[in-house]
């Protein structure tokens, strides 16, 4: 799969995000689920993180990261203890 990965904070005009091939995530715990992201919004807080504005507050806690937390997608798999979400369900 592919993602825009941040390995070093920098001004957005310098294109610090890299289009990168990454391993597909796996469920590691019984209470996790895997969502195939169909769309991702980027808000100003993501830009603060990308540009390093919040480094002094500990954000990002580590690099590399994949910015974006406003997602919509489809549940592809669930852990054994997941009860309220079903495979194939769309996220809000």
C-alpha atoms as a PDB file:
ATOM      1  CA  UNK A   1       0.000   0.000   0.000  1.00  0.00           C
ATOM      2  CA  UNK A   2       1.031   3.611  -0.345  1.00  0.00           C
ATOM      3  CA  UNK A   3       0.985   6.561   2.035  1.00  0.00           C
ATOM      4  CA  UNK A   4       2.283  10.092   2.397  1.00  0.00           C
ATOM      5  CA  UNK A   5       4.954   9.670   5.080  1.00  0.00           C
ATOM      6  CA  UNK A   6       6.593  12.378   7.173  1.00  0.00           C
ATOM      7  CA  UNK A   7      10.171  11.527   8.168  1.00  0.00           C
ATOM      8  CA  UNK A   8      11.326  15.066   9.064  1.00  0.00           C
ATOM      9  CA  UNK A   9       9.289  18.138  10.001  1.00  0.00           C
ATOM     10  CA  UNK A  10       9.664  21.078   7.614  1.00  0.00           C
ATOM     11  CA  UNK A  11       7.673  23.861   5.955  1.00  0.00           C
ATOM     12  CA  UNK A  12       4.941  22.406   3.761  1.00  0.00           C
ATOM     13  CA  UNK A  13       6.280  24.370   0.771  1.00  0.00           C
ATOM     14  CA  UNK A  14       9.431  22.223   0.859  1.00  0.00           C
ATOM     15  CA  UNK A  15       7.353  19.049   0.301  1.00  0.00           C
ATOM     16  CA  UNK A  16       8.393  17.138   3.443  1.00  0.00           C
ATOM     17  CA  UNK A  17       5.809  14.385   2.832  1.00  0.00           C
ATOM     18  CA  UNK A  18       7.042  11.472   0.734  1.00  0.00           C
ATOM     19  CA  UNK A  19       4.784   9.187  -1.326  1.00  0.00           C
ATOM     20  CA  UNK A  20       6.037   5.848  -0.047  1.00  0.00           C
ATOM     21  CA  UNK A  21       5.240   2.161  -0.326  1.00  0.00           C
ATOM     22  CA  UNK A  22       4.649   0.713   3.160  1.00  0.00           C
ATOM     23  CA  UNK A  23       3.704  -2.662   4.576  1.00  0.00           C
ATOM     24  CA  UNK A  24      -0.018  -3.284   4.985  1.00  0.00           C
ATOM     25  CA  UNK A  25      -0.927  -2.977   8.685  1.00  0.00           C
ATOM     26  CA  UNK A  26      -1.927  -6.092  10.590  1.00  0.00           C
ATOM     27  CA  UNK A  27      -4.142  -6.619  13.608  1.00  0.00           C
ATOM     28  CA  UNK A  28      -1.848  -7.266  16.567  1.00  0.00           C
ATOM     29  CA  UNK A  29      -4.379  -7.301  19.421  1.00  0.00           C
ATOM     30  CA  UNK A  30      -7.845  -8.742  19.950  1.00  0.00           C
ATOM     31  CA  UNK A  31      -9.400  -5.275  20.388  1.00  0.00           C
ATOM     32  CA  UNK A  32      -8.095  -3.794  17.096  1.00  0.00           C
ATOM     33  CA  UNK A  33      -9.674  -3.435  13.680  1.00  0.00           C
ATOM     34  CA  UNK A  34      -8.318  -2.715  10.226  1.00  0.00           C
ATOM     35  CA  UNK A  35      -9.977  -0.039   8.092  1.00  0.00           C
ATOM     36  CA  UNK A  36      -9.237   0.393   4.386  1.00  0.00           C
ATOM     37  CA  UNK A  37      -9.139   4.161   4.056  1.00  0.00           C
ATOM     38  CA  UNK A  38     -11.066   5.516   1.094  1.00  0.00           C
ATOM     39  CA  UNK A  39     -10.652   9.211   1.913  1.00  0.00           C
ATOM     40  CA  UNK A  40      -8.591  11.249   4.374  1.00  0.00           C
ATOM     41  CA  UNK A  41      -8.966  14.882   5.317  1.00  0.00           C
ATOM     42  CA  UNK A  42      -6.020  16.965   6.457  1.00  0.00           C
ATOM     43  CA  UNK A  43      -6.804  19.704   8.954  1.00  0.00           C
ATOM     44  CA  UNK A  44      -4.680  22.541  10.274  1.00  0.00           C
ATOM     45  CA  UNK A  45      -3.477  20.431  13.226  1.00  0.00           C
ATOM     46  CA  UNK A  46      -1.856  18.043  10.726  1.00  0.00           C
ATOM     47  CA  UNK A  47      -0.078  20.968   9.082  1.00  0.00           C
ATOM     48  CA  UNK A  48       1.204  22.147  12.493  1.00  0.00           C
ATOM     49  CA  UNK A  49       2.660  18.668  13.028  1.00  0.00           C
ATOM     50  CA  UNK A  50       4.179  18.481   9.520  1.00  0.00           C
ATOM     51  CA  UNK A  51       5.787  21.895   9.882  1.00  0.00           C
ATOM     52  CA  UNK A  52       7.130  21.199  13.381  1.00  0.00           C
ATOM     53  CA  UNK A  53       5.085  23.922  15.087  1.00  0.00           C
ATOM     54  CA  UNK A  54       4.162  21.532  17.912  1.00  0.00           C
ATOM     55  CA  UNK A  55       7.567  19.860  18.423  1.00  0.00           C
ATOM     56  CA  UNK A  56       7.923  21.730  21.732  1.00  0.00           C
ATOM     57  CA  UNK A  57       4.689  20.044  22.914  1.00  0.00           C
ATOM     58  CA  UNK A  58       5.858  16.571  21.928  1.00  0.00           C
ATOM     59  CA  UNK A  59       4.000  16.283  18.608  1.00  0.00           C
ATOM     60  CA  UNK A  60       4.850  14.241  16.705  1.00  0.00           C
ATOM     61  CA  UNK A  61       5.993  11.904  19.470  1.00  0.00           C
ATOM     62  CA  UNK A  62       8.065   9.947  16.950  1.00  0.00           C
ATOM     63  CA  UNK A  63       8.847   9.887  13.253  1.00  0.00           C
ATOM     64  CA  UNK A  64       8.048   8.601  10.715  1.00  0.00           C
ATOM     65  CA  UNK A  65       4.294   9.193  10.827  1.00  0.00           C
ATOM     66  CA  UNK A  66       1.429   9.227   8.361  1.00  0.00           C
ATOM     67  CA  UNK A  67      -0.540  12.435   9.007  1.00  0.00           C
ATOM     68  CA  UNK A  68      -4.310  12.505   8.750  1.00  0.00           C
ATOM     69  CA  UNK A  69      -6.901  11.530  11.309  1.00  0.00           C
ATOM     70  CA  UNK A  70     -10.165  12.471   9.590  1.00  0.00           C
ATOM     71  CA  UNK A  71     -10.832   9.307   7.624  1.00  0.00           C
ATOM     72  CA  UNK A  72     -13.629   7.439   5.912  1.00  0.00           C
ATOM     73  CA  UNK A  73     -13.298   3.822   4.894  1.00  0.00           C
ATOM     74  CA  UNK A  74     -14.456   0.229   5.138  1.00  0.00           C
ATOM     75  CA  UNK A  75     -13.703  -2.254   7.924  1.00  0.00           C
ATOM     76  CA  UNK A  76     -11.619  -5.084   6.416  1.00  0.00           C
ATOM     77  CA  UNK A  77     -10.872  -7.212   9.497  1.00  0.00           C
ATOM     78  CA  UNK A  78     -11.501  -7.223  13.237  1.00  0.00           C
ATOM     79  CA  UNK A  79      -9.859  -8.685  16.322  1.00  0.00           C
ATOM     80  CA  UNK A  80     -11.522 -11.445  18.348  1.00  0.00           C
ATOM     81  CA  UNK A  81     -12.829  -9.044  21.030  1.00  0.00           C
ATOM     82  CA  UNK A  82     -14.333  -6.434  18.690  1.00  0.00           C
ATOM     83  CA  UNK A  83     -18.127  -6.533  19.093  1.00  0.00           C
ATOM     84  CA  UNK A  84     -19.742  -3.293  17.893  1.00  0.00           C
ATOM     85  CA  UNK A  85     -18.109  -3.178  14.461  1.00  0.00           C
ATOM     86  CA  UNK A  86     -18.558  -5.655  11.627  1.00  0.00           C
ATOM     87  CA  UNK A  87     -16.424  -6.493   8.581  1.00  0.00           C
ATOM     88  CA  UNK A  88     -17.712  -4.552   5.580  1.00  0.00           C
ATOM     89  CA  UNK A  89     -19.139  -1.740   7.694  1.00  0.00           C
ATOM     90  CA  UNK A  90     -18.370   1.787   6.484  1.00  0.00           C
ATOM     91  CA  UNK A  91     -16.827   4.265   8.863  1.00  0.00           C
ATOM     92  CA  UNK A  92     -18.477   7.660   9.341  1.00  0.00           C
END
